[in-house]
């Protein structure tokens, strides 16, 4: 006679298998509801073409839907970023941060390295352009990540600090450089 634990494990394996089957069946039923738009577009009734009795057509429609569902949003996001930030990804603004007039700031994604260039409006021997290297991105598509600049007073000293938002898809980050009166530094 087999021990009780064997029968319990066999029962749990069977329930696990049936649970997976139920999830797959539920997925296909939801896909059927999503693809029922075919009957609205065409003049055919919904059950004549798209039903579980025609599995080949169901598979073709499902593959087309899943392919479009995975490819179209990323292509639209890339097109939007290309039209907004260009390539390489750049963002620029003019702000008076107290370094000798209105400064021109350029945020640039240089092959995955986010850099900010501060160009003074009136360069002199004491007020030269400055380059701030913010972060080196190493993930796939790092050269396509845009960065946006803003200048709020974060520490409350009356001087605008530089806030760099790196819009890295599902992992956006914010980097802050503090204004010391002549340049931006990581810590005061």
Protein backbone atom coordinates (compact mmCIF):
# COMPACT_ATOMS: atom_id res chain seq x y z
CA UNK A 1 0.00 0.00 0.00
CA UNK A 2 1.27 3.46 -0.89
CA UNK A 3 1.72 6.11 1.81
CA UNK A 4 -0.86 8.90 2.22
CA UNK A 5 1.66 11.57 1.13
CA UNK A 6 1.94 9.91 -2.31
CA UNK A 7 -1.79 10.24 -2.89
CA UNK A 8 -1.76 13.86 -1.67
CA UNK A 9 1.16 14.74 -3.97
CA UNK A 10 -0.55 13.00 -6.89
CA UNK A 11 -3.75 14.94 -6.18
CA UNK A 12 -1.88 18.27 -5.90
CA UNK A 13 -0.03 17.57 -9.18
CA UNK A 14 -3.36 16.84 -10.87
CA UNK A 15 -4.88 20.05 -9.45
CA UNK A 16 -1.83 22.03 -10.56
CA UNK A 17 -2.14 20.61 -14.07
CA UNK A 18 -5.87 21.33 -14.17
CA UNK A 19 -5.27 24.85 -12.83
CA UNK A 20 -2.83 25.52 -15.68
CA UNK A 21 -5.33 24.12 -18.15
CA UNK A 22 -8.07 26.36 -16.75
CA UNK A 23 -5.80 29.41 -17.08
CA UNK A 24 -5.00 28.55 -20.70
CA UNK A 25 -8.69 28.01 -21.45
CA UNK A 26 -9.54 31.35 -19.78
CA UNK A 27 -6.84 33.09 -21.85
CA UNK A 28 -8.29 31.74 -25.10
CA UNK A 29 -11.82 32.73 -24.06
CA UNK A 30 -10.61 36.27 -23.36
CA UNK A 31 -8.80 36.27 -26.69
CA UNK A 32 -12.04 35.17 -28.31
CA UNK A 33 -13.83 38.15 -26.76
CA UNK A 34 -11.05 40.50 -27.90
CA UNK A 35 -11.10 39.17 -31.43
CA UNK A 36 -14.87 39.27 -31.70
CA UNK A 37 -14.43 42.65 -33.37
CA UNK A 38 -14.05 40.70 -36.61
CA UNK A 39 -17.77 40.10 -36.68
CA UNK A 40 -18.42 43.81 -36.21
CA UNK A 41 -16.14 44.77 -39.11
CA UNK A 42 -17.25 42.06 -41.51
CA UNK A 43 -20.78 41.22 -42.50
CA UNK A 44 -20.42 37.64 -41.27
CA UNK A 45 -21.99 36.57 -38.01
CA UNK A 46 -19.47 36.13 -35.21
CA UNK A 47 -19.73 32.34 -34.99
CA UNK A 48 -19.28 31.57 -38.71
CA UNK A 49 -15.60 32.52 -38.95
CA UNK A 50 -14.17 33.08 -35.49
CA UNK A 51 -15.11 30.25 -33.22
CA UNK A 52 -13.43 27.40 -31.45
CA UNK A 53 -14.45 25.08 -34.29
CA UNK A 54 -11.90 26.76 -36.62
CA UNK A 55 -8.59 26.50 -34.70
CA UNK A 56 -6.32 27.42 -37.61
CA UNK A 57 -8.01 30.79 -38.10
CA UNK A 58 -7.99 31.34 -34.35
CA UNK A 59 -4.24 30.73 -34.20
CA UNK A 60 -3.52 33.06 -37.11
CA UNK A 61 -5.59 35.85 -35.61
CA UNK A 62 -4.08 35.29 -32.17
CA UNK A 63 -0.51 35.40 -33.54
CA UNK A 64 -1.24 38.58 -35.49
CA UNK A 65 -2.83 40.21 -32.44
CA UNK A 66 0.01 39.26 -30.08
CA UNK A 67 2.65 40.39 -32.58
CA UNK A 68 0.94 43.74 -33.05
CA UNK A 69 0.38 44.05 -29.30
CA UNK A 70 4.09 43.62 -28.58
CA UNK A 71 5.63 45.53 -31.50
CA UNK A 72 3.38 48.55 -32.07
CA UNK A 73 3.65 50.24 -28.62
CA UNK A 74 7.47 50.13 -28.58
CA UNK A 75 7.64 51.41 -32.16
CA UNK A 76 5.28 54.28 -31.32
CA UNK A 77 7.35 55.15 -28.21
CA UNK A 78 10.57 55.21 -30.26
CA UNK A 79 8.93 57.38 -32.93
CA UNK A 80 7.64 59.78 -30.23
CA UNK A 81 11.06 60.02 -28.58
CA UNK A 82 12.78 60.50 -31.97
CA UNK A 83 10.44 63.35 -32.87
CA UNK A 84 10.65 64.97 -29.40
CA UNK A 85 14.31 64.52 -28.43
CA UNK A 86 16.06 63.68 -31.71
CA UNK A 87 19.01 61.32 -32.00
CA UNK A 88 21.26 61.45 -30.08
CA UNK A 89 18.74 62.25 -27.36
CA UNK A 90 19.03 65.92 -26.42
CA UNK A 91 17.11 68.39 -24.29
CA UNK A 92 17.94 72.08 -23.96
CA UNK A 93 16.75 75.04 -21.97
CA UNK A 94 17.83 78.54 -20.91
CA UNK A 95 17.77 79.31 -17.17
CA UNK A 96 19.23 81.99 -14.90
CA UNK A 97 20.89 79.97 -12.14
CA UNK A 98 23.06 82.80 -10.75
CA UNK A 99 26.32 81.90 -12.50
CA UNK A 100 26.58 85.18 -14.41
CA UNK A 101 23.38 85.64 -16.41
CA UNK A 102 21.13 83.30 -18.29
CA UNK A 103 22.87 80.00 -18.98
CA UNK A 104 22.12 77.58 -21.80
CA UNK A 105 21.84 73.95 -20.62
CA UNK A 106 22.05 70.98 -22.94
CA UNK A 107 21.29 67.47 -21.69
CA UNK A 108 22.77 64.88 -24.03
CA UNK A 109 22.72 61.09 -24.15
CA UNK A 110 26.13 60.34 -25.60
CA UNK A 111 26.07 56.59 -26.35
CA UNK A 112 24.48 55.76 -22.99
CA UNK A 113 26.27 58.44 -20.94
CA UNK A 114 23.94 61.20 -19.73
CA UNK A 115 25.84 64.49 -19.82
CA UNK A 116 24.75 68.05 -19.10
CA UNK A 117 26.61 70.94 -20.70
CA UNK A 118 26.31 74.40 -19.12
CA UNK A 119 27.12 77.14 -21.60
CA UNK A 120 27.32 80.66 -20.12
CA UNK A 121 25.71 83.52 -22.02
CA UNK A 122 28.82 85.69 -21.49
CA UNK A 123 31.89 83.42 -21.31
CA UNK A 124 34.97 84.84 -19.62
CA UNK A 125 38.15 83.48 -18.09
CA UNK A 126 36.26 82.80 -14.85
CA UNK A 127 32.97 81.66 -16.40
CA UNK A 128 33.72 78.84 -18.84
CA UNK A 129 31.41 76.11 -20.18
CA UNK A 130 31.07 73.18 -17.78
CA UNK A 131 30.36 69.52 -18.45
CA UNK A 132 28.56 67.42 -15.84
CA UNK A 133 28.58 63.64 -16.34
CA UNK A 134 25.41 62.38 -14.66
CA UNK A 135 25.28 58.61 -15.16
CA UNK A 136 26.52 55.83 -17.45
CA UNK A 137 23.64 53.57 -18.58
CA UNK A 138 24.53 49.98 -19.45
CA UNK A 139 21.22 48.39 -20.41
CA UNK A 140 20.14 47.52 -23.93
CA UNK A 141 19.00 50.62 -25.85
CA UNK A 142 20.83 52.93 -23.43
CA UNK A 143 21.58 55.38 -26.25
CA UNK A 144 17.82 55.91 -26.78
CA UNK A 145 17.03 57.09 -23.22
CA UNK A 146 16.09 60.79 -22.98
CA UNK A 147 16.97 63.09 -20.07
CA UNK A 148 15.02 66.18 -18.97
CA UNK A 149 16.33 69.12 -16.91
CA UNK A 150 14.54 71.18 -14.29
CA UNK A 151 15.84 73.70 -11.79
CA UNK A 152 13.91 73.72 -8.49
CA UNK A 153 15.41 74.94 -5.22
CA UNK A 154 15.69 71.55 -3.52
CA UNK A 155 17.71 72.42 -0.41
CA UNK A 156 16.02 75.80 0.26
CA UNK A 157 19.13 78.01 0.01
CA UNK A 158 17.58 80.38 -2.55
CA UNK A 159 19.65 79.04 -5.49
CA UNK A 160 18.13 76.82 -8.17
CA UNK A 161 19.58 73.30 -8.14
CA UNK A 162 19.83 71.07 -11.20
CA UNK A 163 17.47 68.10 -11.32
CA UNK A 164 18.09 65.60 -14.15
CA UNK A 165 15.30 63.10 -14.85
CA UNK A 166 16.50 60.09 -16.84
CA UNK A 167 13.43 58.55 -18.49
CA UNK A 168 14.66 54.96 -18.68
CA UNK A 169 11.37 53.19 -19.48
CA UNK A 170 10.16 51.27 -16.46
CA UNK A 171 13.15 52.43 -14.38
CA UNK A 172 13.15 56.27 -14.39
CA UNK A 173 15.63 57.98 -12.09
CA UNK A 174 16.25 61.50 -10.77
CA UNK A 175 19.75 62.90 -10.25
CA UNK A 176 20.32 66.12 -8.30
CA UNK A 177 23.31 68.49 -8.44
CA UNK A 178 23.37 71.36 -5.94
CA UNK A 179 24.16 74.98 -6.85
CA UNK A 180 27.10 76.41 -4.87
CA UNK A 181 26.95 79.83 -6.57
CA UNK A 182 29.51 79.19 -9.31
CA UNK A 183 28.77 75.63 -10.49
CA UNK A 184 26.78 72.51 -9.67
CA UNK A 185 28.20 69.91 -7.28
CA UNK A 186 26.90 66.52 -6.06
CA UNK A 187 27.14 67.55 -2.37
CA UNK A 188 27.39 70.90 -0.58
